[in-house]
Amino acid sequence: MWLIPPGRRVPSGAGCTSSAEMVVLFDGVCNLCSRSVLFIIRRDPAARFRFSSLQSAYGARQLAQFGINSLSSASVVLIRDHRAFQKSDAVLEIVRHLHGAWPFMYVFKVVPRFIRDGMYDWVAAKRYRWLGKKTECWVPAPELLSRFINS
């Protein structure tokens, strides 16, 4: 069930990211999510993506700005061009901008969202069981701190 229409826009200057930024909000206690952030960083040599945990003050403000319920939000949200993408839409929009062959995965956009999101929800429901979770949010290495939004 979608809490907001995928890619919902908010007015420019409404406190969200600039149109040039792509911000990935992720579950900071989820090991799969933290590994996914590192996966993105390694395939983003131009450093187009920035990151923030869903649990941070910035993440909470962004979720509120887009009307996303923080208790039932997806484990990944992409904010780009004043729009928020969730679940499989977020994943496909992210891979679309990665280096290498990853953008070819965008072809899965033709698969109906209810099927893509069903697969996403299945993985999300098992992510803690498969890779565990931390008791505190993940802290990136010092050399990666500039890619993260702190506030």
Protein backbone atom coordinates (compact mmCIF):
# COMPACT_ATOMS: atom_id res chain seq x y z
CA MET A 1 0.00 0.00 0.00
CA TRP A 2 1.38 3.40 -1.00
CA LEU A 3 1.23 6.16 1.56
CA ILE A 4 1.88 8.76 -1.13
CA PRO A 5 1.82 8.52 -4.89
CA PRO A 6 5.24 7.42 -6.16
CA GLY A 7 7.37 10.35 -7.14
CA ARG A 8 5.07 12.83 -5.35
CA ARG A 9 6.32 16.37 -5.73
CA VAL A 10 6.53 19.08 -3.14
CA PRO A 11 6.90 22.77 -4.03
CA SER A 12 10.41 24.04 -4.72
CA GLY A 13 11.96 25.62 -1.68
CA ALA A 14 9.70 23.68 0.66
CA GLY A 15 12.66 22.48 2.69
CA CYS A 16 13.59 19.46 0.60
CA THR A 17 16.72 18.84 -1.42
CA SER A 18 17.72 20.93 -4.39
CA SER A 19 16.96 19.55 -7.82
CA ALA A 20 20.65 18.70 -8.32
CA GLU A 21 20.86 16.45 -5.24
CA MET A 22 19.89 12.84 -4.89
CA VAL A 23 19.50 11.83 -1.26
CA VAL A 24 19.04 8.24 -0.15
CA LEU A 25 17.27 7.84 3.18
CA PHE A 26 17.99 4.41 4.64
CA ASP A 27 17.33 2.39 7.78
CA GLY A 28 20.45 3.17 9.82
CA VAL A 29 20.19 0.07 12.02
CA CYS A 30 19.69 -2.37 9.14
CA ASN A 31 22.83 -4.21 8.04
CA LEU A 32 21.43 -4.83 4.54
CA CYS A 33 20.66 -1.12 4.19
CA SER A 34 24.12 -0.08 5.40
CA ARG A 35 25.74 -2.49 2.94
CA SER A 36 23.49 -1.09 0.20
CA VAL A 37 24.78 2.41 0.95
CA LEU A 38 28.36 1.19 0.55
CA PHE A 39 27.33 -0.57 -2.68
CA ILE A 40 25.96 2.72 -4.03
CA ILE A 41 29.04 4.72 -2.94
CA ARG A 42 31.38 2.30 -4.75
CA ARG A 43 29.37 2.68 -7.96
CA ASP A 44 28.92 6.45 -7.73
CA PRO A 45 32.38 7.87 -8.53
CA ALA A 46 30.88 11.30 -9.29
CA ALA A 47 29.44 11.40 -5.73
CA ARG A 48 25.97 12.37 -6.95
CA PHE A 49 24.27 10.60 -4.04
CA ARG A 50 24.16 11.81 -0.46
CA PHE A 51 22.82 9.77 2.43
CA SER A 52 20.96 10.11 5.69
CA SER A 53 19.37 7.60 7.99
CA LEU A 54 15.62 7.50 8.36
CA GLN A 55 16.21 7.82 12.11
CA SER A 56 18.09 11.14 11.83
CA ALA A 57 16.49 14.55 12.32
CA TYR A 58 17.02 15.27 8.61
CA GLY A 59 15.42 11.95 7.63
CA ALA A 60 12.44 12.61 9.89
CA ARG A 61 11.97 16.08 8.39
CA GLN A 62 12.08 14.69 4.85
CA LEU A 63 9.58 11.95 5.67
CA ALA A 64 7.26 14.56 7.18
CA GLN A 65 7.76 16.90 4.22
CA PHE A 66 6.59 14.22 1.80
CA GLY A 67 3.86 12.88 4.07
CA ILE A 68 5.54 9.52 4.56
CA ASN A 69 4.61 7.70 7.77
CA SER A 70 7.91 6.97 9.51
CA LEU A 71 6.52 3.90 11.29
CA SER A 72 5.52 2.16 8.09
CA SER A 73 7.95 3.72 5.63
CA ALA A 74 10.03 1.69 3.27
CA SER A 75 13.60 0.94 4.31
CA VAL A 76 14.84 3.14 1.45
CA VAL A 77 13.55 6.45 0.14
CA LEU A 78 15.16 8.41 -2.68
CA ILE A 79 14.63 12.15 -2.87
CA ARG A 80 15.39 13.66 -6.26
CA ASP A 81 14.04 16.69 -8.12
CA HIS A 82 11.73 17.58 -5.20
CA ARG A 83 10.15 14.12 -5.42
CA ALA A 84 10.22 11.13 -3.07
CA PHE A 85 10.48 7.58 -4.40
CA GLN A 86 9.85 4.56 -2.18
CA LYS A 87 10.37 0.81 -2.34
CA SER A 88 11.08 -0.61 -5.81
CA ASP A 89 10.72 2.80 -7.47
CA ALA A 90 13.51 4.12 -5.22
CA VAL A 91 15.75 1.14 -5.97
CA LEU A 92 15.23 1.44 -9.73
CA GLU A 93 15.84 5.19 -9.69
CA ILE A 94 19.06 4.63 -7.73
CA VAL A 95 20.48 1.92 -10.03
CA ARG A 96 19.58 4.09 -13.00
CA HIS A 97 22.29 6.55 -11.87
CA LEU A 98 25.05 4.08 -10.93
CA HIS A 99 28.27 3.47 -12.84
CA GLY A 100 28.67 0.28 -14.87
CA ALA A 101 25.93 -2.04 -16.12
CA TRP A 102 23.57 -1.33 -13.21
CA PRO A 103 21.40 1.17 -15.16
CA PHE A 104 20.25 -1.72 -17.36
CA MET A 105 18.23 -2.96 -14.38
CA TYR A 106 15.92 -0.01 -14.97
CA VAL A 107 14.23 -2.22 -17.57
CA PHE A 108 12.35 -3.78 -14.62
CA LYS A 109 10.34 -0.56 -14.45
CA VAL A 110 7.97 -2.22 -16.96
CA VAL A 111 7.06 -4.82 -14.33
CA PRO A 112 3.87 -3.69 -12.58
CA ARG A 113 4.59 -1.88 -9.31
CA PHE A 114 2.48 -4.27 -7.23
CA ILE A 115 4.75 -7.13 -8.31
CA ARG A 116 8.00 -5.16 -7.82
CA ASP A 117 6.86 -3.84 -4.45
CA GLY A 118 5.68 -7.29 -3.41
CA MET A 119 9.22 -8.58 -3.97
CA TYR A 120 10.66 -5.53 -2.21
CA ASP A 121 8.37 -6.04 0.80
CA TRP A 122 9.33 -9.72 0.99
CA VAL A 123 13.05 -8.86 1.17
CA ALA A 124 12.39 -5.97 3.57
CA ALA A 125 10.44 -8.25 5.91
CA LYS A 126 13.35 -10.72 6.08
CA ARG A 127 16.31 -8.31 6.04
CA TYR A 128 16.89 -8.34 9.81
CA ARG A 129 16.67 -12.12 9.94
CA TRP A 130 19.12 -12.55 7.06
CA LEU A 131 21.76 -9.95 7.94
CA GLY A 132 20.77 -8.72 11.39
CA LYS A 133 20.48 -5.23 12.75
CA LYS A 134 22.49 -2.92 14.95
CA THR A 135 21.40 -1.44 18.25
CA GLU A 136 22.54 2.00 17.04
CA CYS A 137 22.66 3.70 13.66
CA TRP A 138 25.63 2.89 11.45
CA VAL A 139 28.43 5.47 11.44
CA PRO A 140 30.36 5.77 8.16
CA ALA A 141 34.14 5.80 7.93
CA PRO A 142 35.71 9.30 8.24
CA GLU A 143 36.56 9.44 4.52
CA LEU A 144 32.86 9.00 3.66
CA LEU A 145 31.43 11.54 6.11
CA SER A 146 31.12 14.25 3.46
CA ARG A 147 28.55 12.06 1.64
CA PHE A 148 26.24 12.03 4.68
CA ILE A 149 23.79 14.65 5.90
CA ASN A 150 24.13 15.02 9.67
CA SER A 151 21.34 17.34 10.74
